């Protein structure tokens, strides 16, 4: 068996490095791939399966899905993540429809594709509500909206100018605060970039990483007071890993706080059961679910096929599909490798390879 790996790195984290280690331990030959190369498909055809942990960045979101879809559905080679698992990754608008179709418990959510409909809703919305961009991790593009005036401002921005990810909350320069030299230099560069537009109608340079503005929709969820933490359940195959994430100090957001509690006795088993059930019905290879409580009942706010691997490895164990506790720490990449080897073997046997 040959498994091809596209090299990935998000900060200090690399799924592909750990996949290679666990595959090699199991006697599987590893082939390093560059799926951004012109001969990407030819490289993939030399493998029995292909794995690529692609990130929530515009460049990879516009390329990885297309490449892996072709390998999976046209070449017929098993991939991780498959399209069932990842077509909705880092897109809350897509998750809204997916979770509805799976009859998943959710907070009340309002998604508008037309400005006039959003503005009409804003007149009588049950404030406070939570505004979110479709893209973004770690609560980077999530804010609480307290008034109709603020909601109308955000709706107008989304339908007239758009909002670049990573420019809200703690990532935004506070109004009236002194700007650093770096920020002043960046502003000057943007002004210089604007001159060709003014003179020749040539579009200014886009930001280097988060270059795609969110535009043409408005996404709001109901605010659920009284939640001092959320519960993160990460399901890989039939294994459910869990921990609590405490809110940031003086904030309603838990994602990105870094304040984690791993005590399995503090985990709401209803969340574990719901997550395992949805992963089975959705046929997800890997999925993390963020739970809050609404009227003392668990609801899911977001999902994500990829996550920080170290957070899963620190779990003291996991529950299986029968809700039995397995007292064993493992890296998520090891679980993913075990499942993917089984998938490739089953595929090869079914196709007489």
C-alpha atoms as a PDB file:
ATOM      1  CA  UNK A   1       0.000   0.000   0.000  1.00  0.00           C
ATOM      2  CA  UNK A   2       1.219   3.482  -0.902  1.00  0.00           C
ATOM      3  CA  UNK A   3      -0.288   6.536   0.773  1.00  0.00           C
ATOM      4  CA  UNK A   4       0.531   9.940  -0.669  1.00  0.00           C
ATOM      5  CA  UNK A   5       0.867  12.879   1.697  1.00  0.00           C
ATOM      6  CA  UNK A   6       0.752  16.550   0.763  1.00  0.00           C
ATOM      7  CA  UNK A   7       2.963  18.444   3.197  1.00  0.00           C
ATOM      8  CA  UNK A   8       1.053  20.778   5.505  1.00  0.00           C
ATOM      9  CA  UNK A   9       1.982  23.179   8.260  1.00  0.00           C
ATOM     10  CA  UNK A  10      -0.159  25.502  10.355  1.00  0.00           C
ATOM     11  CA  UNK A  11       2.131  27.320  12.758  1.00  0.00           C
ATOM     12  CA  UNK A  12       4.210  24.612  14.444  1.00  0.00           C
ATOM     13  CA  UNK A  13       1.660  21.919  13.667  1.00  0.00           C
ATOM     14  CA  UNK A  14       1.967  19.429  10.809  1.00  0.00           C
ATOM     15  CA  UNK A  15      -0.528  16.630  10.345  1.00  0.00           C
ATOM     16  CA  UNK A  16       1.484  15.169   7.483  1.00  0.00           C
ATOM     17  CA  UNK A  17       4.598  14.665   9.614  1.00  0.00           C
ATOM     18  CA  UNK A  18       2.663  12.664  12.215  1.00  0.00           C
ATOM     19  CA  UNK A  19       0.712  10.786   9.529  1.00  0.00           C
ATOM     20  CA  UNK A  20       4.022   9.723   7.972  1.00  0.00           C
ATOM     21  CA  UNK A  21       5.265   8.449  11.337  1.00  0.00           C
ATOM     22  CA  UNK A  22       2.137   6.413  12.099  1.00  0.00           C
ATOM     23  CA  UNK A  23       1.856   5.055   8.554  1.00  0.00           C
ATOM     24  CA  UNK A  24       5.477   3.925   8.580  1.00  0.00           C
ATOM     25  CA  UNK A  25       4.975   2.205  11.945  1.00  0.00           C
ATOM     26  CA  UNK A  26       2.195   0.176  10.302  1.00  0.00           C
ATOM     27  CA  UNK A  27       4.318  -0.860   7.343  1.00  0.00           C
ATOM     28  CA  UNK A  28       2.680   1.475   4.841  1.00  0.00           C
ATOM     29  CA  UNK A  29       4.848   3.120   2.203  1.00  0.00           C
ATOM     30  CA  UNK A  30       4.652   6.919   2.305  1.00  0.00           C
ATOM     31  CA  UNK A  31       5.013   9.032  -0.821  1.00  0.00           C
ATOM     32  CA  UNK A  32       5.488  12.793  -0.452  1.00  0.00           C
ATOM     33  CA  UNK A  33       3.290  14.730  -2.867  1.00  0.00           C
ATOM     34  CA  UNK A  34       3.116  18.283  -4.143  1.00  0.00           C
ATOM     35  CA  UNK A  35      -0.502  18.619  -5.191  1.00  0.00           C
ATOM     36  CA  UNK A  36       0.050  22.230  -6.213  1.00  0.00           C
ATOM     37  CA  UNK A  37       2.365  21.029  -9.000  1.00  0.00           C
ATOM     38  CA  UNK A  38       1.233  20.808 -12.655  1.00  0.00           C
ATOM     39  CA  UNK A  39       1.494  16.992 -12.497  1.00  0.00           C
ATOM     40  CA  UNK A  40      -0.592  16.691  -9.299  1.00  0.00           C
ATOM     41  CA  UNK A  41      -2.953  14.082 -10.734  1.00  0.00           C
ATOM     42  CA  UNK A  42      -0.107  11.989 -12.118  1.00  0.00           C
ATOM     43  CA  UNK A  43       1.468  11.979  -8.657  1.00  0.00           C
ATOM     44  CA  UNK A  44      -1.811  10.953  -7.045  1.00  0.00           C
ATOM     45  CA  UNK A  45      -2.319   8.083  -9.504  1.00  0.00           C
ATOM     46  CA  UNK A  46       0.795   6.400  -8.153  1.00  0.00           C
ATOM     47  CA  UNK A  47      -0.873   6.094  -4.742  1.00  0.00           C
ATOM     48  CA  UNK A  48      -3.589   3.920  -3.216  1.00  0.00           C
ATOM     49  CA  UNK A  49      -4.798   6.833  -1.099  1.00  0.00           C
ATOM     50  CA  UNK A  50      -4.092  10.548  -0.645  1.00  0.00           C
ATOM     51  CA  UNK A  51      -4.102  12.620   2.567  1.00  0.00           C
ATOM     52  CA  UNK A  52      -3.932  16.411   2.808  1.00  0.00           C
ATOM     53  CA  UNK A  53      -4.787  18.484   5.849  1.00  0.00           C
ATOM     54  CA  UNK A  54      -5.641  21.753   4.109  1.00  0.00           C
ATOM     55  CA  UNK A  55      -6.044  24.921   6.116  1.00  0.00           C
ATOM     56  CA  UNK A  56      -8.760  27.569   6.479  1.00  0.00           C
ATOM     57  CA  UNK A  57      -6.909  30.060   4.298  1.00  0.00           C
ATOM     58  CA  UNK A  58      -8.315  31.480   1.039  1.00  0.00           C
ATOM     59  CA  UNK A  59      -5.487  30.094  -1.082  1.00  0.00           C
ATOM     60  CA  UNK A  60      -5.995  26.517   0.110  1.00  0.00           C
ATOM     61  CA  UNK A  61      -9.779  26.760   0.223  1.00  0.00           C
ATOM     62  CA  UNK A  62      -9.872  27.652  -3.466  1.00  0.00           C
ATOM     63  CA  UNK A  63      -7.452  24.914  -4.543  1.00  0.00           C
ATOM     64  CA  UNK A  64      -7.479  21.920  -2.190  1.00  0.00           C
ATOM     65  CA  UNK A  65     -11.171  21.130  -2.503  1.00  0.00           C
ATOM     66  CA  UNK A  66     -11.027  21.114  -6.300  1.00  0.00           C
ATOM     67  CA  UNK A  67      -7.906  18.955  -6.422  1.00  0.00           C
ATOM     68  CA  UNK A  68      -9.068  16.420  -3.830  1.00  0.00           C
ATOM     69  CA  UNK A  69     -12.550  16.246  -5.365  1.00  0.00           C
ATOM     70  CA  UNK A  70     -11.009  15.284  -8.709  1.00  0.00           C
ATOM     71  CA  UNK A  71      -8.782  12.648  -7.131  1.00  0.00           C
ATOM     72  CA  UNK A  72     -11.675  11.199  -5.131  1.00  0.00           C
ATOM     73  CA  UNK A  73     -14.542  11.297  -7.615  1.00  0.00           C
ATOM     74  CA  UNK A  74     -12.888  11.195 -11.048  1.00  0.00           C
ATOM     75  CA  UNK A  75      -9.741   9.159 -10.420  1.00  0.00           C
ATOM     76  CA  UNK A  76     -11.540   7.035  -7.815  1.00  0.00           C
ATOM     77  CA  UNK A  77      -8.742   7.191  -5.234  1.00  0.00           C
ATOM     78  CA  UNK A  78      -9.686   7.383  -1.520  1.00  0.00           C
ATOM     79  CA  UNK A  79      -8.744  10.719   0.043  1.00  0.00           C
ATOM     80  CA  UNK A  80      -8.614  12.367   3.440  1.00  0.00           C
ATOM     81  CA  UNK A  81     -10.539  14.531   3.970  1.00  0.00           C
ATOM     82  CA  UNK A  82     -13.193  13.333   1.556  1.00  0.00           C
ATOM     83  CA  UNK A  83     -15.829  15.660   0.151  1.00  0.00           C
ATOM     84  CA  UNK A  84     -18.477  14.574   2.677  1.00  0.00           C
ATOM     85  CA  UNK A  85     -16.136  15.647   5.463  1.00  0.00           C
ATOM     86  CA  UNK A  86     -14.767  18.928   4.133  1.00  0.00           C
ATOM     87  CA  UNK A  87     -16.982  20.644   1.529  1.00  0.00           C
ATOM     88  CA  UNK A  88     -18.358  22.884   4.307  1.00  0.00           C
ATOM     89  CA  UNK A  89     -15.057  23.468   6.143  1.00  0.00           C
ATOM     90  CA  UNK A  90     -14.625  27.011   7.452  1.00  0.00           C
ATOM     91  CA  UNK A  91     -17.885  28.086   5.843  1.00  0.00           C
ATOM     92  CA  UNK A  92     -20.604  28.733   8.414  1.00  0.00           C
ATOM     93  CA  UNK A  93     -23.116  29.500   5.673  1.00  0.00           C
ATOM     94  CA  UNK A  94     -22.625  25.974   4.271  1.00  0.00           C
ATOM     95  CA  UNK A  95     -22.794  24.478   7.763  1.00  0.00           C
ATOM     96  CA  UNK A  96     -26.134  26.230   8.332  1.00  0.00           C
ATOM     97  CA  UNK A  97     -27.749  24.246   5.522  1.00  0.00           C
ATOM     98  CA  UNK A  98     -25.903  21.001   6.324  1.00  0.00           C
ATOM     99  CA  UNK A  99     -26.874  20.988  10.008  1.00  0.00           C
ATOM    100  CA  UNK A 100     -30.464  21.855   9.130  1.00  0.00           C
ATOM    101  CA  UNK A 101     -30.628  18.954   6.676  1.00  0.00           C
ATOM    102  CA  UNK A 102     -29.229  16.589   9.331  1.00  0.00           C
ATOM    103  CA  UNK A 103     -31.871  17.870  11.799  1.00  0.00           C
ATOM    104  CA  UNK A 104     -29.177  18.977  14.203  1.00  0.00           C
ATOM    105  CA  UNK A 105     -30.025  21.018  17.334  1.00  0.00           C
ATOM    106  CA  UNK A 106     -28.803  24.575  16.598  1.00  0.00           C
ATOM    107  CA  UNK A 107     -29.220  28.084  17.979  1.00  0.00           C
ATOM    108  CA  UNK A 108     -31.744  30.089  15.997  1.00  0.00           C
ATOM    109  CA  UNK A 109     -29.853  31.343  12.979  1.00  0.00           C
ATOM    110  CA  UNK A 110     -30.648  34.001  10.382  1.00  0.00           C
ATOM    111  CA  UNK A 111     -28.836  33.870   7.048  1.00  0.00           C
ATOM    112  CA  UNK A 112     -29.652  36.477   4.415  1.00  0.00           C
ATOM    113  CA  UNK A 113     -28.535  36.616   0.785  1.00  0.00           C
ATOM    114  CA  UNK A 114     -30.386  39.888   0.071  1.00  0.00           C
ATOM    115  CA  UNK A 115     -29.768  43.259   1.750  1.00  0.00           C
ATOM    116  CA  UNK A 116     -33.423  44.302   1.891  1.00  0.00           C
ATOM    117  CA  UNK A 117     -34.413  41.108   3.699  1.00  0.00           C
ATOM    118  CA  UNK A 118     -31.596  41.544   6.233  1.00  0.00           C
ATOM    119  CA  UNK A 119     -32.497  45.184   6.873  1.00  0.00           C
ATOM    120  CA  UNK A 120     -36.166  44.284   7.404  1.00  0.00           C
ATOM    121  CA  UNK A 121     -35.163  41.625   9.933  1.00  0.00           C
ATOM    122  CA  UNK A 122     -32.891  44.103  11.757  1.00  0.00           C
ATOM    123  CA  UNK A 123     -35.876  46.296  12.595  1.00  0.00           C
ATOM    124  CA  UNK A 124     -37.315  43.725  15.000  1.00  0.00           C
ATOM    125  CA  UNK A 125     -34.388  41.364  15.723  1.00  0.00           C
ATOM    126  CA  UNK A 126     -34.165  39.946  19.282  1.00  0.00           C
ATOM    127  CA  UNK A 127     -31.043  41.842  20.390  1.00  0.00           C
ATOM    128  CA  UNK A 128     -28.416  41.055  21.428  1.00  0.00           C
ATOM    129  CA  UNK A 129     -27.537  38.726  18.573  1.00  0.00           C
ATOM    130  CA  UNK A 130     -24.214  37.335  17.377  1.00  0.00           C
ATOM    131  CA  UNK A 131     -22.804  38.376  13.988  1.00  0.00           C
ATOM    132  CA  UNK A 132     -20.380  36.019  12.256  1.00  0.00           C
ATOM    133  CA  UNK A 133     -18.439  35.923   9.044  1.00  0.00           C
ATOM    134  CA  UNK A 134     -18.742  32.630   7.218  1.00  0.00           C
ATOM    135  CA  UNK A 135     -14.964  32.136   7.421  1.00  0.00           C
ATOM    136  CA  UNK A 136     -12.656  32.304  10.401  1.00  0.00           C
ATOM    137  CA  UNK A 137     -11.398  30.315  13.375  1.00  0.00           C
ATOM    138  CA  UNK A 138     -10.788  31.046  17.041  1.00  0.00           C
ATOM    139  CA  UNK A 139     -13.735  33.487  17.225  1.00  0.00           C
ATOM    140  CA  UNK A 140     -11.719  35.934  15.135  1.00  0.00           C
ATOM    141  CA  UNK A 141     -14.746  37.082  13.133  1.00  0.00           C
ATOM    142  CA  UNK A 142     -17.469  36.899  15.783  1.00  0.00           C
ATOM    143  CA  UNK A 143     -19.017  39.872  17.592  1.00  0.00           C
ATOM    144  CA  UNK A 144     -22.052  40.505  19.789  1.00  0.00           C
ATOM    145  CA  UNK A 145     -24.484  43.023  18.302  1.00  0.00           C
ATOM    146  CA  UNK A 146     -26.427  44.980  20.901  1.00  0.00           C
ATOM    147  CA  UNK A 147     -28.558  47.294  18.753  1.00  0.00           C
ATOM    148  CA  UNK A 148     -30.426  47.794  15.503  1.00  0.00           C
ATOM    149  CA  UNK A 149     -28.000  50.566  14.535  1.00  0.00           C
ATOM    150  CA  UNK A 150     -25.008  48.241  14.777  1.00  0.00           C
ATOM    151  CA  UNK A 151     -26.785  45.458  12.901  1.00  0.00           C
ATOM    152  CA  UNK A 152     -27.706  47.806  10.052  1.00  0.00           C
ATOM    153  CA  UNK A 153     -24.094  49.014   9.851  1.00  0.00           C
ATOM    154  CA  UNK A 154     -22.814  45.415   9.540  1.00  0.00           C
ATOM    155  CA  UNK A 155     -25.465  44.503   6.978  1.00  0.00           C
ATOM    156  CA  UNK A 156     -24.558  47.524   4.862  1.00  0.00           C
ATOM    157  CA  UNK A 157     -20.862  46.621   5.075  1.00  0.00           C
ATOM    158  CA  UNK A 158     -21.531  43.051   3.982  1.00  0.00           C
ATOM    159  CA  UNK A 159     -23.633  44.040   0.978  1.00  0.00           C
ATOM    160  CA  UNK A 160     -21.740  47.168  -0.106  1.00  0.00           C
ATOM    161  CA  UNK A 161     -18.041  46.883   0.751  1.00  0.00           C
ATOM    162  CA  UNK A 162     -17.485  43.512   2.402  1.00  0.00           C
ATOM    163  CA  UNK A 163     -15.329  42.686   5.418  1.00  0.00           C
ATOM    164  CA  UNK A 164     -11.903  41.075   5.319  1.00  0.00           C
ATOM    165  CA  UNK A 165     -11.431  38.246   7.854  1.00  0.00           C
ATOM    166  CA  UNK A 166      -9.143  38.918  10.807  1.00  0.00           C
ATOM    167  CA  UNK A 167     -10.078  42.609  10.962  1.00  0.00           C
ATOM    168  CA  UNK A 168     -12.593  42.416  13.818  1.00  0.00           C
ATOM    169  CA  UNK A 169     -12.445  42.084  17.616  1.00  0.00           C
ATOM    170  CA  UNK A 170      -8.939  42.016  19.033  1.00  0.00           C
ATOM    171  CA  UNK A 171      -7.526  42.130  15.508  1.00  0.00           C
ATOM    172  CA  UNK A 172      -8.948  45.594  14.868  1.00  0.00           C
ATOM    173  CA  UNK A 173      -7.111  48.804  15.830  1.00  0.00           C
ATOM    174  CA  UNK A 174      -9.278  50.522  18.500  1.00  0.00           C
ATOM    175  CA  UNK A 175     -10.723  53.847  17.358  1.00  0.00           C
ATOM    176  CA  UNK A 176      -8.705  56.794  18.600  1.00  0.00           C
ATOM    177  CA  UNK A 177      -5.835  54.687  19.975  1.00  0.00           C
ATOM    178  CA  UNK A 178      -2.235  55.533  19.048  1.00  0.00           C
ATOM    179  CA  UNK A 179      -0.985  53.611  16.060  1.00  0.00           C
ATOM    180  CA  UNK A 180       2.340  51.817  15.996  1.00  0.00           C
ATOM    181  CA  UNK A 181       5.044  52.572  13.449  1.00  0.00           C
ATOM    182  CA  UNK A 182       4.273  49.249  11.731  1.00  0.00           C
ATOM    183  CA  UNK A 183       0.623  50.188  11.372  1.00  0.00           C
ATOM    184  CA  UNK A 184       1.489  53.628  10.023  1.00  0.00           C
ATOM    185  CA  UNK A 185       3.827  52.075   7.453  1.00  0.00           C
ATOM    186  CA  UNK A 186       1.079  49.646   6.441  1.00  0.00           C
ATOM    187  CA  UNK A 187      -1.354  52.539   6.023  1.00  0.00           C
ATOM    188  CA  UNK A 188       1.112  54.422   3.854  1.00  0.00           C
ATOM    189  CA  UNK A 189       1.627  51.373   1.662  1.00  0.00           C
ATOM    190  CA  UNK A 190      -2.127  51.010   1.218  1.00  0.00           C
ATOM    191  CA  UNK A 191      -2.359  54.667   0.223  1.00  0.00           C
ATOM    192  CA  UNK A 192       0.442  54.234  -2.316  1.00  0.00           C
ATOM    193  CA  UNK A 193      -1.281  51.093  -3.659  1.00  0.00           C
ATOM    194  CA  UNK A 194      -4.447  53.138  -4.127  1.00  0.00           C
ATOM    195  CA  UNK A 195      -2.850  55.597  -6.567  1.00  0.00           C
ATOM    196  CA  UNK A 196      -2.883  53.200  -9.571  1.00  0.00           C
ATOM    197  CA  UNK A 197      -6.591  52.630  -8.909  1.00  0.00           C
ATOM    198  CA  UNK A 198      -7.315  56.344  -8.874  1.00  0.00           C
ATOM    199  CA  UNK A 199      -5.213  56.942 -12.000  1.00  0.00           C
ATOM    200  CA  UNK A 200      -5.841  53.808 -14.110  1.00  0.00           C
ATOM    201  CA  UNK A 201      -8.727  52.042 -12.306  1.00  0.00           C
ATOM    202  CA  UNK A 202      -6.277  49.260 -11.432  1.00  0.00           C
ATOM    203  CA  UNK A 203      -7.401  47.324  -8.348  1.00  0.00           C
ATOM    204  CA  UNK A 204      -5.190  47.892  -5.259  1.00  0.00           C
ATOM    205  CA  UNK A 205      -3.138  45.026  -3.857  1.00  0.00           C
ATOM    206  CA  UNK A 206      -5.033  42.639  -1.602  1.00  0.00           C
ATOM    207  CA  UNK A 207      -3.832  41.554   1.863  1.00  0.00           C
ATOM    208  CA  UNK A 208      -1.200  38.795   1.522  1.00  0.00           C
ATOM    209  CA  UNK A 209      -3.008  36.020   3.472  1.00  0.00           C
ATOM    210  CA  UNK A 210      -6.638  36.910   4.183  1.00  0.00           C
ATOM    211  CA  UNK A 211      -7.125  38.376   0.717  1.00  0.00           C
ATOM    212  CA  UNK A 212     -10.727  37.351   0.120  1.00  0.00           C
ATOM    213  CA  UNK A 213     -13.348  39.738   1.563  1.00  0.00           C
ATOM    214  CA  UNK A 214     -16.584  38.261   2.861  1.00  0.00           C
ATOM    215  CA  UNK A 215     -19.368  39.839   0.846  1.00  0.00           C
ATOM    216  CA  UNK A 216     -22.974  39.439  -0.269  1.00  0.00           C
ATOM    217  CA  UNK A 217     -24.589  37.822   2.768  1.00  0.00           C
ATOM    218  CA  UNK A 218     -25.387  38.510   6.433  1.00  0.00           C
ATOM    219  CA  UNK A 219     -25.172  35.786   9.088  1.00  0.00           C
ATOM    220  CA  UNK A 220     -26.531  36.125  12.633  1.00  0.00           C
ATOM    221  CA  UNK A 221     -27.188  33.677  15.469  1.00  0.00           C
ATOM    222  CA  UNK A 222     -29.189  34.128  18.637  1.00  0.00           C
ATOM    223  CA  UNK A 223     -27.147  35.059  21.701  1.00  0.00           C
ATOM    224  CA  UNK A 224     -27.319  32.367  24.389  1.00  0.00           C
ATOM    225  CA  UNK A 225     -26.665  33.941  27.806  1.00  0.00           C
ATOM    226  CA  UNK A 226     -25.420  32.017  30.812  1.00  0.00           C
ATOM    227  CA  UNK A 227     -22.862  29.899  28.958  1.00  0.00           C
ATOM    228  CA  UNK A 228     -19.526  30.294  30.736  1.00  0.00           C
ATOM    229  CA  UNK A 229     -17.886  27.682  28.508  1.00  0.00           C
ATOM    230  CA  UNK A 230     -18.557  25.598  25.441  1.00  0.00           C
ATOM    231  CA  UNK A 231     -18.022  21.860  25.002  1.00  0.00           C
ATOM    232  CA  UNK A 232     -15.810  20.720  22.155  1.00  0.00           C
ATOM    233  CA  UNK A 233     -16.457  17.163  20.978  1.00  0.00           C
ATOM    234  CA  UNK A 234     -14.074  15.879  18.279  1.00  0.00           C
ATOM    235  CA  UNK A 235     -15.139  12.670  16.559  1.00  0.00           C
ATOM    236  CA  UNK A 236     -12.700  10.593  14.521  1.00  0.00           C
ATOM    237  CA  UNK A 237     -14.290   7.433  13.208  1.00  0.00           C
ATOM    238  CA  UNK A 238     -16.074   5.966  16.235  1.00  0.00           C
ATOM    239  CA  UNK A 239     -13.954   7.812  18.831  1.00  0.00           C
ATOM    240  CA  UNK A 240     -15.235  10.907  20.629  1.00  0.00           C
ATOM    241  CA  UNK A 241     -12.722  13.169  22.380  1.00  0.00           C
ATOM    242  CA  UNK A 242     -14.031  15.939  24.640  1.00  0.00           C
ATOM    243  CA  UNK A 243     -13.076  18.954  26.714  1.00  0.00           C
ATOM    244  CA  UNK A 244     -14.557  22.183  27.962  1.00  0.00           C
ATOM    245  CA  UNK A 245     -13.328  25.575  26.764  1.00  0.00           C
ATOM    246  CA  UNK A 246     -13.815  28.354  29.287  1.00  0.00           C
ATOM    247  CA  UNK A 247     -14.789  31.802  28.031  1.00  0.00           C
ATOM    248  CA  UNK A 248     -12.221  34.525  27.683  1.00  0.00           C
ATOM    249  CA  UNK A 249     -12.108  36.937  30.600  1.00  0.00           C
ATOM    250  CA  UNK A 250     -14.972  39.432  30.304  1.00  0.00           C
ATOM    251  CA  UNK A 251     -16.053  37.917  26.977  1.00  0.00           C
ATOM    252  CA  UNK A 252     -18.805  35.597  25.753  1.00  0.00           C
ATOM    253  CA  UNK A 253     -16.469  33.725  23.380  1.00  0.00           C
ATOM    254  CA  UNK A 254     -14.820  30.428  24.330  1.00  0.00           C
ATOM    255  CA  UNK A 255     -13.116  29.493  21.063  1.00  0.00           C
ATOM    256  CA  UNK A 256      -9.517  30.654  21.125  1.00  0.00           C
ATOM    257  CA  UNK A 257      -9.426  31.224  24.888  1.00  0.00           C
ATOM    258  CA  UNK A 258      -6.895  28.447  25.495  1.00  0.00           C
ATOM    259  CA  UNK A 259      -8.594  27.681  28.841  1.00  0.00           C
ATOM    260  CA  UNK A 260      -9.331  23.963  28.595  1.00  0.00           C
ATOM    261  CA  UNK A 261     -10.734  21.458  31.113  1.00  0.00           C
ATOM    262  CA  UNK A 262     -10.181  17.790  30.304  1.00  0.00           C
ATOM    263  CA  UNK A 263     -12.039  16.124  33.192  1.00  0.00           C
ATOM    264  CA  UNK A 264     -14.344  13.535  31.512  1.00  0.00           C
ATOM    265  CA  UNK A 265     -16.724  13.710  34.488  1.00  0.00           C
ATOM    266  CA  UNK A 266     -17.525  17.321  33.526  1.00  0.00           C
ATOM    267  CA  UNK A 267     -18.538  16.432  29.967  1.00  0.00           C
ATOM    268  CA  UNK A 268     -22.236  16.447  29.095  1.00  0.00           C
ATOM    269  CA  UNK A 269     -22.768  12.996  27.614  1.00  0.00           C
ATOM    270  CA  UNK A 270     -25.665  14.304  25.552  1.00  0.00           C
ATOM    271  CA  UNK A 271     -23.082  16.236  23.522  1.00  0.00           C
ATOM    272  CA  UNK A 272     -21.008  13.101  23.002  1.00  0.00           C
ATOM    273  CA  UNK A 273     -24.029  11.130  21.825  1.00  0.00           C
ATOM    274  CA  UNK A 274     -25.207  13.869  19.455  1.00  0.00           C
ATOM    275  CA  UNK A 275     -21.740  14.302  17.942  1.00  0.00           C
ATOM    276  CA  UNK A 276     -21.286  10.561  17.343  1.00  0.00           C
ATOM    277  CA  UNK A 277     -24.744  10.334  15.784  1.00  0.00           C
ATOM    278  CA  UNK A 278     -24.207  13.289  13.430  1.00  0.00           C
ATOM    279  CA  UNK A 279     -20.790  12.027  12.331  1.00  0.00           C
ATOM    280  CA  UNK A 280     -22.348   8.667  11.484  1.00  0.00           C
ATOM    281  CA  UNK A 281     -25.273  10.157   9.552  1.00  0.00           C
ATOM    282  CA  UNK A 282     -23.087  12.752   7.858  1.00  0.00           C
ATOM    283  CA  UNK A 283     -20.422  10.126   7.016  1.00  0.00           C
ATOM    284  CA  UNK A 284     -17.647  12.368   8.333  1.00  0.00           C
ATOM    285  CA  UNK A 285     -14.132  10.978   8.669  1.00  0.00           C
ATOM    286  CA  UNK A 286     -13.284  13.602  11.297  1.00  0.00           C
ATOM    287  CA  UNK A 287     -15.341  16.396  12.833  1.00  0.00           C
ATOM    288  CA  UNK A 288     -15.173  18.772  15.796  1.00  0.00           C
ATOM    289  CA  UNK A 289     -18.437  20.130  17.216  1.00  0.00           C
ATOM    290  CA  UNK A 290     -18.863  23.217  19.416  1.00  0.00           C
ATOM    291  CA  UNK A 291     -21.772  22.889  21.868  1.00  0.00           C
ATOM    292  CA  UNK A 292     -23.561  25.507  23.958  1.00  0.00           C
ATOM    293  CA  UNK A 293     -26.691  25.126  26.076  1.00  0.00           C
ATOM    294  CA  UNK A 294     -30.044  26.604  25.071  1.00  0.00           C
ATOM    295  CA  UNK A 295     -32.740  26.165  27.710  1.00  0.00           C
ATOM    296  CA  UNK A 296     -30.478  23.494  29.245  1.00  0.00           C
ATOM    297  CA  UNK A 297     -30.370  21.537  25.976  1.00  0.00           C
ATOM    298  CA  UNK A 298     -27.165  21.145  23.876  1.00  0.00           C
ATOM    299  CA  UNK A 299     -27.028  22.963  20.554  1.00  0.00           C
ATOM    300  CA  UNK A 300     -24.230  23.055  17.971  1.00  0.00           C
ATOM    301  CA  UNK A 301     -22.899  26.436  16.873  1.00  0.00           C
ATOM    302  CA  UNK A 302     -20.116  25.379  14.454  1.00  0.00           C
ATOM    303  CA  UNK A 303     -18.265  22.342  13.110  1.00  0.00           C
ATOM    304  CA  UNK A 304     -14.758  21.805  11.695  1.00  0.00           C
ATOM    305  CA  UNK A 305     -13.009  18.781  10.203  1.00  0.00           C
ATOM    306  CA  UNK A 306      -9.561  20.073  11.292  1.00  0.00           C
ATOM    307  CA  UNK A 307      -8.413  21.211  14.724  1.00  0.00           C
ATOM    308  CA  UNK A 308      -5.338  21.726  16.893  1.00  0.00           C
ATOM    309  CA  UNK A 309      -3.926  18.217  17.277  1.00  0.00           C
ATOM    310  CA  UNK A 310      -2.274  18.877  20.650  1.00  0.00           C
ATOM    311  CA  UNK A 311      -5.662  19.680  22.213  1.00  0.00           C
ATOM    312  CA  UNK A 312      -6.938  16.212  21.287  1.00  0.00           C
ATOM    313  CA  UNK A 313      -3.749  14.453  22.379  1.00  0.00           C
ATOM    314  CA  UNK A 314      -4.138  15.931  25.878  1.00  0.00           C
ATOM    315  CA  UNK A 315      -7.519  14.235  26.329  1.00  0.00           C
ATOM    316  CA  UNK A 316      -7.051  11.420  28.904  1.00  0.00           C
ATOM    317  CA  UNK A 317      -9.099   9.096  26.716  1.00  0.00           C
ATOM    318  CA  UNK A 318     -12.175   8.904  24.516  1.00  0.00           C
ATOM    319  CA  UNK A 319     -15.623   7.323  24.201  1.00  0.00           C
ATOM    320  CA  UNK A 320     -16.409   4.754  21.524  1.00  0.00           C
ATOM    321  CA  UNK A 321     -19.678   4.446  19.624  1.00  0.00           C
ATOM    322  CA  UNK A 322     -21.175   2.419  22.494  1.00  0.00           C
ATOM    323  CA  UNK A 323     -20.245   5.252  24.905  1.00  0.00           C
ATOM    324  CA  UNK A 324     -17.659   3.042  26.601  1.00  0.00           C
ATOM    325  CA  UNK A 325     -14.732   5.014  28.003  1.00  0.00           C
ATOM    326  CA  UNK A 326     -11.326   4.090  26.561  1.00  0.00           C
ATOM    327  CA  UNK A 327      -8.640   5.278  28.967  1.00  0.00           C
ATOM    328  CA  UNK A 328      -5.925   5.975  26.409  1.00  0.00           C
ATOM    329  CA  UNK A 329      -4.245   9.104  25.097  1.00  0.00           C
ATOM    330  CA  UNK A 330      -3.548   9.167  21.374  1.00  0.00           C
ATOM    331  CA  UNK A 331      -2.725  11.707  18.721  1.00  0.00           C
ATOM    332  CA  UNK A 332      -5.657  12.406  16.383  1.00  0.00           C
ATOM    333  CA  UNK A 333      -3.383  11.688  13.420  1.00  0.00           C
ATOM    334  CA  UNK A 334      -2.947   8.104  14.666  1.00  0.00           C
ATOM    335  CA  UNK A 335      -6.713   7.578  14.725  1.00  0.00           C
ATOM    336  CA  UNK A 336      -7.031   9.126  11.273  1.00  0.00           C
ATOM    337  CA  UNK A 337      -4.318   6.850   9.907  1.00  0.00           C
ATOM    338  CA  UNK A 338      -5.940   3.732  11.383  1.00  0.00           C
ATOM    339  CA  UNK A 339      -9.280   4.583   9.803  1.00  0.00           C
ATOM    340  CA  UNK A 340      -7.785   5.585   6.461  1.00  0.00           C
ATOM    341  CA  UNK A 341      -5.784   2.365   6.121  1.00  0.00           C
ATOM    342  CA  UNK A 342      -9.017   0.417   6.672  1.00  0.00           C
ATOM    343  CA  UNK A 343     -10.805   2.548   4.080  1.00  0.00           C
ATOM    344  CA  UNK A 344      -8.079   2.043   1.472  1.00  0.00           C
ATOM    345  CA  UNK A 345      -7.951  -1.711   2.150  1.00  0.00           C
ATOM    346  CA  UNK A 346     -11.717  -2.025   1.798  1.00  0.00           C
ATOM    347  CA  UNK A 347     -11.666   0.027  -1.404  1.00  0.00           C
ATOM    348  CA  UNK A 348      -8.862  -2.071  -2.924  1.00  0.00           C
ATOM    349  CA  UNK A 349     -10.575  -5.343  -2.007  1.00  0.00           C
ATOM    350  CA  UNK A 350     -13.848  -4.113  -3.495  1.00  0.00           C
ATOM    351  CA  UNK A 351     -12.076  -3.186  -6.724  1.00  0.00           C
ATOM    352  CA  UNK A 352      -9.848  -6.318  -6.787  1.00  0.00           C
ATOM    353  CA  UNK A 353      -6.600  -4.304  -6.524  1.00  0.00           C
END
